[in-house]
Amino acid sequence: MAVKKKYILILFFAVVCFPFSPVWGDAITQKGKPIQIVSDRLDVYDSKQLAVFSGNVQVNQQDTTINSDELHVFYKKEGGERKGSDNIGAMNAGDIERIEARGKVRITQGDRIVTGDKAVLFYEEQKVFVTGNTMMQEGKNKIKGGKVTFFMKENRSIVERAEKERVTAIIYPKEEK
């Protein structure tokens, strides 16, 4: 049971650093802000350094919500052992290798929405890949593609075509007052 408590604590730190807000040019993370994760189930696979939230997963932090069928959190290995295994305080978001949201992924922040079949955050590289029927929307503006890559340190993104479709952007000019 103590191992599960360690992983749950890490998950809270990890998801706090789950930086989808940079998609829109905001701060890289919302560190220190409360987070709520709701799912039908949580499984921790200690030998695989993996925790899986499954079933109607919803992650809330301030004005950002992430919905998916599953949320997988993968932890780094150090010399074949789990880092900080004897000290809860020693485990932090830096122990995260990657986080994956799978199945009907929807990330919402205000009127900004990103959808896809899968989103993968590589924590150290500060890169996020969203794949499968991707769409970014802000207000009425939409960009659709096959894969979206966010480079959070550089505050930039790349949208690549799907196999049979090209990247499509519908941009509405700002209304003058």
N, C-alpha and C. Protein backbone atom coordinates (compact mmCIF):
# COMPACT_ATOMS: atom_id res chain seq x y z
N MET A 1 0.82 -1.20 0.00
CA MET A 1 0.00 0.00 0.00
C MET A 1 0.86 1.25 0.00
N ALA A 2 2.02 1.21 0.70
CA ALA A 2 2.91 2.37 0.74
C ALA A 2 3.44 2.70 -0.65
N VAL A 3 3.68 1.67 -1.47
CA VAL A 3 4.17 1.90 -2.83
C VAL A 3 3.12 2.65 -3.63
N LYS A 4 1.85 2.25 -3.51
CA LYS A 4 0.78 2.94 -4.23
C LYS A 4 0.68 4.40 -3.79
N LYS A 5 0.84 4.67 -2.50
CA LYS A 5 0.80 6.05 -2.02
C LYS A 5 1.93 6.86 -2.62
N LYS A 6 3.11 6.25 -2.77
CA LYS A 6 4.24 6.95 -3.39
C LYS A 6 3.90 7.31 -4.83
N TYR A 7 3.33 6.34 -5.56
CA TYR A 7 3.00 6.60 -6.96
C TYR A 7 1.90 7.64 -7.11
N ILE A 8 0.92 7.60 -6.23
CA ILE A 8 -0.14 8.60 -6.30
C ILE A 8 0.44 9.99 -6.06
N LEU A 9 1.35 10.12 -5.10
CA LEU A 9 2.00 11.40 -4.85
C LEU A 9 2.77 11.85 -6.08
N ILE A 10 3.50 10.94 -6.70
CA ILE A 10 4.26 11.28 -7.92
C ILE A 10 3.31 11.70 -9.02
N LEU A 11 2.20 10.98 -9.16
CA LEU A 11 1.24 11.32 -10.21
C LEU A 11 0.74 12.75 -10.05
N PHE A 12 0.48 13.15 -8.82
CA PHE A 12 0.02 14.52 -8.63
C PHE A 12 1.09 15.52 -9.07
N PHE A 13 2.35 15.27 -8.71
CA PHE A 13 3.43 16.15 -9.15
C PHE A 13 3.57 16.11 -10.66
N ALA A 14 3.46 14.92 -11.23
CA ALA A 14 3.64 14.76 -12.67
C ALA A 14 2.57 15.51 -13.45
N VAL A 15 1.35 15.34 -13.04
CA VAL A 15 0.27 15.95 -13.80
C VAL A 15 0.26 17.46 -13.61
N VAL A 16 0.72 17.93 -12.46
CA VAL A 16 0.86 19.37 -12.28
C VAL A 16 1.81 19.93 -13.34
N CYS A 17 2.79 19.12 -13.71
CA CYS A 17 3.76 19.53 -14.71
C CYS A 17 3.37 19.06 -16.10
N PHE A 18 2.18 18.57 -16.28
CA PHE A 18 1.71 18.09 -17.58
C PHE A 18 1.35 19.30 -18.42
N PRO A 19 2.28 19.77 -19.21
CA PRO A 19 2.21 21.11 -19.76
C PRO A 19 1.49 21.22 -21.11
N PHE A 20 0.19 21.15 -21.11
CA PHE A 20 -0.50 21.38 -22.37
C PHE A 20 -0.83 22.85 -22.58
N SER A 21 -0.76 23.66 -21.54
CA SER A 21 -1.05 25.07 -21.72
C SER A 21 -0.08 25.77 -22.67
N PRO A 22 1.19 25.32 -22.83
CA PRO A 22 2.08 26.00 -23.76
C PRO A 22 1.62 25.91 -25.20
N VAL A 23 0.70 25.01 -25.49
CA VAL A 23 0.15 24.93 -26.83
C VAL A 23 -0.31 26.32 -27.26
N TRP A 24 -0.72 27.09 -26.31
CA TRP A 24 -1.31 28.39 -26.60
C TRP A 24 -0.38 29.54 -26.22
N GLY A 25 0.85 29.24 -25.91
CA GLY A 25 1.82 30.30 -25.63
C GLY A 25 1.80 30.78 -24.19
N ASP A 26 1.12 30.07 -23.31
CA ASP A 26 1.10 30.47 -21.90
C ASP A 26 2.35 29.95 -21.21
N ALA A 27 2.40 30.09 -19.93
CA ALA A 27 3.54 29.59 -19.15
C ALA A 27 3.69 28.10 -19.36
N ILE A 28 4.89 27.59 -19.19
CA ILE A 28 5.16 26.18 -19.46
C ILE A 28 4.36 25.28 -18.54
N THR A 29 4.20 25.59 -17.29
CA THR A 29 3.42 24.75 -16.39
C THR A 29 2.62 25.62 -15.46
N GLN A 30 1.75 24.96 -14.72
CA GLN A 30 0.98 25.64 -13.67
C GLN A 30 1.42 25.06 -12.34
N LYS A 31 2.73 25.06 -12.12
CA LYS A 31 3.31 24.44 -10.93
C LYS A 31 2.68 25.01 -9.66
N GLY A 32 2.49 24.13 -8.70
CA GLY A 32 1.99 24.55 -7.40
C GLY A 32 0.49 24.75 -7.35
N LYS A 33 -0.19 24.59 -8.45
CA LYS A 33 -1.64 24.76 -8.46
C LYS A 33 -2.29 23.40 -8.20
N PRO A 34 -3.43 23.41 -7.49
CA PRO A 34 -4.08 22.13 -7.18
C PRO A 34 -4.56 21.41 -8.43
N ILE A 35 -4.54 20.10 -8.37
CA ILE A 35 -4.96 19.27 -9.50
C ILE A 35 -5.90 18.19 -9.01
N GLN A 36 -6.84 17.83 -9.86
CA GLN A 36 -7.76 16.75 -9.53
C GLN A 36 -7.75 15.76 -10.69
N ILE A 37 -7.58 14.47 -10.36
CA ILE A 37 -7.64 13.41 -11.36
C ILE A 37 -8.79 12.50 -10.95
N VAL A 38 -9.71 12.29 -11.89
CA VAL A 38 -10.85 11.42 -11.63
C VAL A 38 -10.87 10.35 -12.72
N SER A 39 -10.99 9.10 -12.30
CA SER A 39 -11.10 8.00 -13.26
C SER A 39 -11.88 6.87 -12.61
N ASP A 40 -12.25 5.90 -13.42
CA ASP A 40 -12.96 4.75 -12.88
C ASP A 40 -12.03 3.80 -12.14
N ARG A 41 -10.72 3.86 -12.51
CA ARG A 41 -9.78 2.90 -11.93
C ARG A 41 -8.36 3.45 -11.98
N LEU A 42 -7.54 3.03 -11.01
CA LEU A 42 -6.11 3.32 -11.01
C LEU A 42 -5.37 2.02 -10.76
N ASP A 43 -4.49 1.64 -11.70
CA ASP A 43 -3.65 0.46 -11.55
C ASP A 43 -2.20 0.91 -11.51
N VAL A 44 -1.44 0.38 -10.55
CA VAL A 44 -0.02 0.68 -10.44
C VAL A 44 0.75 -0.61 -10.68
N TYR A 45 1.66 -0.56 -11.67
CA TYR A 45 2.49 -1.71 -12.03
C TYR A 45 3.91 -1.39 -11.60
N ASP A 46 4.23 -1.74 -10.36
CA ASP A 46 5.51 -1.39 -9.76
C ASP A 46 6.69 -1.91 -10.58
N SER A 47 6.61 -3.15 -11.05
CA SER A 47 7.73 -3.73 -11.79
C SER A 47 7.96 -3.06 -13.14
N LYS A 48 6.93 -2.40 -13.69
CA LYS A 48 7.03 -1.72 -14.99
C LYS A 48 7.23 -0.21 -14.83
N GLN A 49 7.29 0.29 -13.60
CA GLN A 49 7.35 1.72 -13.33
C GLN A 49 6.24 2.45 -14.11
N LEU A 50 5.01 1.98 -13.93
CA LEU A 50 3.87 2.47 -14.69
C LEU A 50 2.65 2.58 -13.80
N ALA A 51 1.93 3.69 -13.95
CA ALA A 51 0.64 3.87 -13.30
C ALA A 51 -0.37 4.20 -14.39
N VAL A 52 -1.54 3.58 -14.33
CA VAL A 52 -2.55 3.75 -15.37
C VAL A 52 -3.87 4.16 -14.74
N PHE A 53 -4.35 5.34 -15.11
CA PHE A 53 -5.70 5.77 -14.78
C PHE A 53 -6.55 5.33 -15.97
N SER A 54 -7.69 4.69 -15.73
CA SER A 54 -8.51 4.25 -16.86
C SER A 54 -9.99 4.47 -16.59
N GLY A 55 -10.72 4.62 -17.68
CA GLY A 55 -12.16 4.81 -17.60
C GLY A 55 -12.56 6.24 -17.35
N ASN A 56 -12.95 6.92 -18.39
CA ASN A 56 -13.45 8.30 -18.27
C ASN A 56 -12.51 9.19 -17.45
N VAL A 57 -11.25 9.23 -17.84
CA VAL A 57 -10.25 10.00 -17.10
C VAL A 57 -10.48 11.50 -17.32
N GLN A 58 -10.45 12.25 -16.24
CA GLN A 58 -10.54 13.70 -16.32
C GLN A 58 -9.52 14.29 -15.37
N VAL A 59 -8.65 15.15 -15.92
CA VAL A 59 -7.64 15.84 -15.15
C VAL A 59 -7.99 17.33 -15.18
N ASN A 60 -8.10 17.95 -14.02
CA ASN A 60 -8.43 19.37 -13.93
C ASN A 60 -7.34 20.11 -13.18
N GLN A 61 -6.90 21.23 -13.74
CA GLN A 61 -5.98 22.12 -13.06
C GLN A 61 -6.29 23.52 -13.54
N GLN A 62 -6.75 24.35 -12.63
CA GLN A 62 -7.19 25.70 -12.94
C GLN A 62 -8.14 25.66 -14.12
N ASP A 63 -7.84 26.35 -15.21
CA ASP A 63 -8.76 26.40 -16.34
C ASP A 63 -8.45 25.37 -17.42
N THR A 64 -7.58 24.39 -17.11
CA THR A 64 -7.21 23.37 -18.08
C THR A 64 -7.81 22.02 -17.68
N THR A 65 -8.44 21.36 -18.66
CA THR A 65 -9.03 20.04 -18.44
C THR A 65 -8.52 19.10 -19.51
N ILE A 66 -8.12 17.91 -19.11
CA ILE A 66 -7.71 16.86 -20.04
C ILE A 66 -8.64 15.69 -19.84
N ASN A 67 -9.31 15.28 -20.92
CA ASN A 67 -10.17 14.11 -20.89
C ASN A 67 -9.57 13.04 -21.80
N SER A 68 -9.62 11.79 -21.37
CA SER A 68 -9.17 10.68 -22.21
C SER A 68 -9.74 9.39 -21.64
N ASP A 69 -9.60 8.32 -22.43
CA ASP A 69 -10.03 7.02 -21.94
C ASP A 69 -9.05 6.49 -20.90
N GLU A 70 -7.74 6.75 -21.13
CA GLU A 70 -6.70 6.29 -20.21
C GLU A 70 -5.61 7.34 -20.09
N LEU A 71 -4.92 7.35 -18.95
CA LEU A 71 -3.75 8.19 -18.73
C LEU A 71 -2.66 7.29 -18.16
N HIS A 72 -1.55 7.14 -18.91
CA HIS A 72 -0.43 6.29 -18.48
C HIS A 72 0.73 7.19 -18.05
N VAL A 73 1.30 6.89 -16.88
CA VAL A 73 2.45 7.64 -16.39
C VAL A 73 3.60 6.65 -16.26
N PHE A 74 4.68 6.89 -17.02
CA PHE A 74 5.86 6.02 -17.03
C PHE A 74 6.97 6.69 -16.23
N TYR A 75 7.61 5.93 -15.33
CA TYR A 75 8.66 6.45 -14.48
C TYR A 75 10.02 6.00 -14.97
N LYS A 76 11.04 6.81 -14.71
CA LYS A 76 12.41 6.48 -15.09
C LYS A 76 12.94 5.36 -14.20
N LYS A 77 13.88 4.62 -14.76
CA LYS A 77 14.62 3.64 -13.99
C LYS A 77 16.02 4.18 -13.79
N GLU A 78 16.61 3.89 -12.65
CA GLU A 78 18.00 4.30 -12.40
C GLU A 78 18.73 3.08 -11.88
N GLY A 79 19.61 2.54 -12.71
CA GLY A 79 20.34 1.33 -12.33
C GLY A 79 19.42 0.15 -12.07
N GLY A 80 18.29 0.11 -12.81
CA GLY A 80 17.35 -1.00 -12.67
C GLY A 80 16.42 -0.85 -11.48
N GLU A 81 16.62 0.16 -10.66
CA GLU A 81 15.76 0.37 -9.49
C GLU A 81 14.92 1.62 -9.69
N ARG A 82 13.77 1.62 -9.06
CA ARG A 82 12.91 2.79 -9.09
C ARG A 82 13.59 3.90 -8.29
N LYS A 83 13.64 5.10 -8.85
CA LYS A 83 14.28 6.21 -8.15
C LYS A 83 13.51 6.56 -6.90
N GLY A 84 14.24 6.82 -5.82
CA GLY A 84 13.61 7.31 -4.60
C GLY A 84 12.66 6.32 -3.95
N SER A 85 12.87 5.04 -4.16
CA SER A 85 11.91 4.05 -3.68
C SER A 85 11.76 4.03 -2.16
N ASP A 86 12.75 4.52 -1.43
CA ASP A 86 12.67 4.50 0.02
C ASP A 86 12.26 5.84 0.62
N ASN A 87 12.08 6.85 -0.21
CA ASN A 87 11.82 8.17 0.32
C ASN A 87 10.78 8.89 -0.54
N ILE A 88 9.58 9.03 -0.03
CA ILE A 88 8.51 9.68 -0.79
C ILE A 88 8.92 11.08 -1.20
N GLY A 89 9.57 11.81 -0.34
CA GLY A 89 9.97 13.18 -0.64
C GLY A 89 10.98 13.28 -1.77
N ALA A 90 11.74 12.20 -2.01
CA ALA A 90 12.75 12.21 -3.07
C ALA A 90 12.14 12.03 -4.44
N MET A 91 10.88 11.60 -4.52
CA MET A 91 10.25 11.36 -5.81
C MET A 91 9.53 12.63 -6.24
N ASN A 92 9.76 13.01 -7.50
CA ASN A 92 9.11 14.23 -8.00
C ASN A 92 8.87 14.10 -9.48
N ALA A 93 8.38 15.17 -10.09
CA ALA A 93 8.05 15.14 -11.52
C ALA A 93 9.27 14.83 -12.37
N GLY A 94 10.48 15.11 -11.88
CA GLY A 94 11.69 14.80 -12.61
C GLY A 94 11.91 13.30 -12.77
N ASP A 95 11.17 12.49 -12.01
CA ASP A 95 11.26 11.04 -12.12
C ASP A 95 10.37 10.50 -13.24
N ILE A 96 9.63 11.36 -13.91
CA ILE A 96 8.72 10.95 -14.96
C ILE A 96 9.46 10.87 -16.29
N GLU A 97 9.30 9.76 -16.99
CA GLU A 97 9.87 9.60 -18.32
C GLU A 97 8.93 10.18 -19.36
N ARG A 98 7.66 9.71 -19.31
CA ARG A 98 6.66 10.24 -20.24
C ARG A 98 5.27 10.00 -19.68
N ILE A 99 4.33 10.77 -20.20
CA ILE A 99 2.93 10.65 -19.83
C ILE A 99 2.14 10.52 -21.12
N GLU A 100 1.24 9.55 -21.18
CA GLU A 100 0.44 9.33 -22.37
C GLU A 100 -1.05 9.39 -22.02
N ALA A 101 -1.79 10.20 -22.77
CA ALA A 101 -3.24 10.21 -22.70
C ALA A 101 -3.70 9.45 -23.94
N ARG A 102 -4.55 8.45 -23.76
CA ARG A 102 -4.94 7.58 -24.87
C ARG A 102 -6.45 7.49 -25.00
N GLY A 103 -6.92 7.54 -26.23
CA GLY A 103 -8.33 7.35 -26.51
C GLY A 103 -9.17 8.58 -26.28
N LYS A 104 -9.73 9.12 -27.35
CA LYS A 104 -10.61 10.29 -27.28
C LYS A 104 -10.01 11.41 -26.43
N VAL A 105 -8.79 11.80 -26.75
CA VAL A 105 -8.08 12.83 -25.99
C VAL A 105 -8.67 14.20 -26.33
N ARG A 106 -8.99 14.96 -25.30
CA ARG A 106 -9.52 16.32 -25.47
C ARG A 106 -8.89 17.19 -24.38
N ILE A 107 -8.16 18.21 -24.81
CA ILE A 107 -7.52 19.13 -23.88
C ILE A 107 -8.20 20.48 -24.07
N THR A 108 -8.75 21.02 -23.00
CA THR A 108 -9.51 22.27 -23.07
C THR A 108 -8.90 23.29 -22.11
N GLN A 109 -8.74 24.52 -22.62
CA GLN A 109 -8.30 25.64 -21.78
C GLN A 109 -9.07 26.85 -22.27
N GLY A 110 -10.07 27.26 -21.50
CA GLY A 110 -10.92 28.36 -21.94
C GLY A 110 -11.63 27.97 -23.23
N ASP A 111 -11.51 28.81 -24.27
CA ASP A 111 -12.14 28.47 -25.56
C ASP A 111 -11.16 27.76 -26.50
N ARG A 112 -10.04 27.30 -25.97
CA ARG A 112 -9.03 26.59 -26.75
C ARG A 112 -9.19 25.08 -26.53
N ILE A 113 -9.15 24.34 -27.62
CA ILE A 113 -9.36 22.89 -27.55
C ILE A 113 -8.36 22.20 -28.48
N VAL A 114 -7.75 21.12 -27.98
CA VAL A 114 -6.92 20.24 -28.81
C VAL A 114 -7.50 18.85 -28.65
N THR A 115 -7.74 18.17 -29.79
CA THR A 115 -8.25 16.81 -29.73
C THR A 115 -7.37 15.89 -30.57
N GLY A 116 -7.41 14.62 -30.24
CA GLY A 116 -6.67 13.60 -30.98
C GLY A 116 -6.94 12.24 -30.36
N ASP A 117 -6.33 11.23 -30.96
CA ASP A 117 -6.50 9.88 -30.43
C ASP A 117 -5.50 9.59 -29.32
N LYS A 118 -4.35 10.27 -29.36
CA LYS A 118 -3.30 10.01 -28.37
C LYS A 118 -2.45 11.26 -28.20
N ALA A 119 -2.05 11.54 -26.96
CA ALA A 119 -1.12 12.63 -26.66
C ALA A 119 -0.01 12.07 -25.80
N VAL A 120 1.25 12.37 -26.15
CA VAL A 120 2.40 11.87 -25.41
C VAL A 120 3.28 13.05 -25.02
N LEU A 121 3.56 13.18 -23.73
CA LEU A 121 4.46 14.21 -23.22
C LEU A 121 5.77 13.54 -22.85
N PHE A 122 6.87 14.01 -23.44
CA PHE A 122 8.21 13.59 -23.03
C PHE A 122 8.72 14.68 -22.10
N TYR A 123 8.78 14.36 -20.83
CA TYR A 123 9.00 15.35 -19.79
C TYR A 123 10.33 16.09 -19.93
N GLU A 124 11.45 15.36 -20.02
CA GLU A 124 12.76 16.02 -20.08
C GLU A 124 12.92 16.87 -21.34
N GLU A 125 12.46 16.35 -22.47
CA GLU A 125 12.59 17.06 -23.73
C GLU A 125 11.59 18.20 -23.86
N GLN A 126 10.57 18.20 -23.00
CA GLN A 126 9.52 19.20 -23.04
C GLN A 126 8.88 19.26 -24.43
N LYS A 127 8.53 18.06 -24.93
CA LYS A 127 7.85 17.92 -26.21
C LYS A 127 6.55 17.17 -26.00
N VAL A 128 5.52 17.56 -26.75
CA VAL A 128 4.25 16.85 -26.73
C VAL A 128 3.88 16.50 -28.16
N PHE A 129 3.49 15.24 -28.37
CA PHE A 129 3.00 14.79 -29.66
C PHE A 129 1.53 14.43 -29.52
N VAL A 130 0.69 14.97 -30.38
CA VAL A 130 -0.72 14.59 -30.43
C VAL A 130 -0.94 13.98 -31.80
N THR A 131 -1.49 12.76 -31.83
CA THR A 131 -1.66 12.05 -33.09
C THR A 131 -3.08 11.52 -33.24
N GLY A 132 -3.44 11.23 -34.48
CA GLY A 132 -4.73 10.62 -34.79
C GLY A 132 -5.87 11.60 -34.79
N ASN A 133 -6.28 12.02 -35.97
CA ASN A 133 -7.42 12.95 -36.10
C ASN A 133 -7.25 14.20 -35.25
N THR A 134 -6.10 14.82 -35.34
CA THR A 134 -5.82 15.98 -34.49
C THR A 134 -6.56 17.21 -34.98
N MET A 135 -6.99 18.01 -34.03
CA MET A 135 -7.60 19.29 -34.34
C MET A 135 -7.26 20.25 -33.21
N MET A 136 -6.87 21.46 -33.60
CA MET A 136 -6.67 22.54 -32.64
C MET A 136 -7.72 23.59 -32.96
N GLN A 137 -8.36 24.10 -31.92
CA GLN A 137 -9.42 25.09 -32.13
C GLN A 137 -9.31 26.18 -31.08
N GLU A 138 -9.46 27.42 -31.54
CA GLU A 138 -9.56 28.56 -30.64
C GLU A 138 -10.65 29.44 -31.18
N GLY A 139 -11.76 29.53 -30.42
CA GLY A 139 -12.92 30.24 -30.95
C GLY A 139 -13.40 29.52 -32.19
N LYS A 140 -13.57 30.24 -33.29
CA LYS A 140 -14.00 29.62 -34.55
C LYS A 140 -12.82 29.13 -35.39
N ASN A 141 -11.59 29.53 -35.06
CA ASN A 141 -10.41 29.12 -35.82
C ASN A 141 -10.08 27.66 -35.56
N LYS A 142 -9.76 26.92 -36.65
CA LYS A 142 -9.45 25.49 -36.53
C LYS A 142 -8.27 25.12 -37.41
N ILE A 143 -7.45 24.20 -36.91
CA ILE A 143 -6.37 23.60 -37.69
C ILE A 143 -6.47 22.10 -37.50
N LYS A 144 -6.56 21.36 -38.62
CA LYS A 144 -6.66 19.91 -38.58
C LYS A 144 -5.43 19.31 -39.24
N GLY A 145 -4.99 18.17 -38.72
CA GLY A 145 -3.85 17.47 -39.30
C GLY A 145 -3.74 16.07 -38.74
N GLY A 146 -2.67 15.38 -39.10
CA GLY A 146 -2.46 14.02 -38.64
C GLY A 146 -1.65 13.95 -37.36
N LYS A 147 -0.68 14.88 -37.20
CA LYS A 147 0.19 14.89 -36.04
C LYS A 147 0.54 16.33 -35.69
N VAL A 148 0.45 16.64 -34.42
CA VAL A 148 0.85 17.96 -33.93
C VAL A 148 1.99 17.74 -32.94
N THR A 149 3.08 18.49 -33.12
CA THR A 149 4.21 18.43 -32.21
C THR A 149 4.37 19.80 -31.56
N PHE A 150 4.41 19.82 -30.24
CA PHE A 150 4.61 21.06 -29.49
C PHE A 150 6.00 21.04 -28.87
N PHE A 151 6.78 22.06 -29.13
CA PHE A 151 8.10 22.24 -28.52
C PHE A 151 7.91 23.30 -27.45
N MET A 152 7.74 22.88 -26.22
CA MET A 152 7.33 23.80 -25.16
C MET A 152 8.40 24.81 -24.79
N LYS A 153 9.67 24.41 -24.81
CA LYS A 153 10.74 25.35 -24.48
C LYS A 153 10.82 26.47 -25.50
N GLU A 154 10.47 26.16 -26.75
CA GLU A 154 10.56 27.14 -27.84
C GLU A 154 9.22 27.82 -28.11
N ASN A 155 8.16 27.37 -27.45
CA ASN A 155 6.82 27.91 -27.64
C ASN A 155 6.43 27.91 -29.12
N ARG A 156 6.62 26.74 -29.77
CA ARG A 156 6.24 26.61 -31.17
C ARG A 156 5.65 25.24 -31.41
N SER A 157 4.98 25.09 -32.54
CA SER A 157 4.38 23.81 -32.88
C SER A 157 4.49 23.54 -34.37
N ILE A 158 4.36 22.27 -34.74
CA ILE A 158 4.37 21.84 -36.13
C ILE A 158 3.14 20.95 -36.32
N VAL A 159 2.39 21.20 -37.39
CA VAL A 159 1.25 20.36 -37.74
C VAL A 159 1.61 19.64 -39.03
N GLU A 160 1.55 18.31 -38.99
CA GLU A 160 1.88 17.49 -40.16
C GLU A 160 0.61 16.85 -40.71
N ARG A 161 0.65 16.52 -41.97
CA ARG A 161 -0.50 15.95 -42.66
C ARG A 161 -0.81 14.54 -42.16
N ALA A 162 -2.06 14.16 -42.34
CA ALA A 162 -2.46 12.78 -42.13
C ALA A 162 -2.13 12.01 -43.40
N GLU A 163 -2.26 10.69 -43.37
CA GLU A 163 -1.88 9.87 -44.51
C GLU A 163 -2.60 10.29 -45.80
N LYS A 164 -3.89 10.54 -45.72
CA LYS A 164 -4.66 10.86 -46.93
C LYS A 164 -5.21 12.28 -46.94
N GLU A 165 -4.84 13.08 -45.98
CA GLU A 165 -5.36 14.45 -45.91
C GLU A 165 -4.22 15.42 -45.66
N ARG A 166 -4.37 16.59 -46.21
CA ARG A 166 -3.39 17.65 -45.99
C ARG A 166 -3.79 18.45 -44.76
N VAL A 167 -2.86 19.23 -44.27
CA VAL A 167 -3.15 20.12 -43.15
C VAL A 167 -4.16 21.16 -43.62
N THR A 168 -5.18 21.38 -42.81
CA THR A 168 -6.23 22.34 -43.16
C THR A 168 -6.38 23.35 -42.03
N ALA A 169 -6.33 24.63 -42.39
CA ALA A 169 -6.52 25.69 -41.40
C ALA A 169 -7.68 26.58 -41.85
N ILE A 170 -8.57 26.87 -40.94
CA ILE A 170 -9.65 27.82 -41.17
C ILE A 170 -9.46 28.93 -40.15
N ILE A 171 -9.10 30.10 -40.64
CA ILE A 171 -8.79 31.24 -39.77
C ILE A 171 -9.78 32.36 -40.08
N TYR A 172 -10.40 32.88 -39.04
CA TYR A 172 -11.32 33.99 -39.18
C TYR A 172 -10.61 35.27 -38.76
N PRO A 173 -10.71 36.33 -39.57
CA PRO A 173 -10.07 37.59 -39.17
C PRO A 173 -10.73 38.16 -37.91
N LYS A 174 -9.93 38.90 -37.16
CA LYS A 174 -10.48 39.54 -35.96
C LYS A 174 -11.51 40.57 -36.38
N GLU A 175 -12.58 40.63 -35.62
CA GLU A 175 -13.61 41.62 -35.91
C GLU A 175 -13.17 42.96 -35.39
N GLU A 176 -13.34 43.97 -36.21
CA GLU A 176 -12.96 45.33 -35.79
C GLU A 176 -14.06 45.91 -34.94
N LYS A 177 -13.66 46.71 -33.95
CA LYS A 177 -14.63 47.31 -33.03
C LYS A 177 -15.01 48.69 -33.48
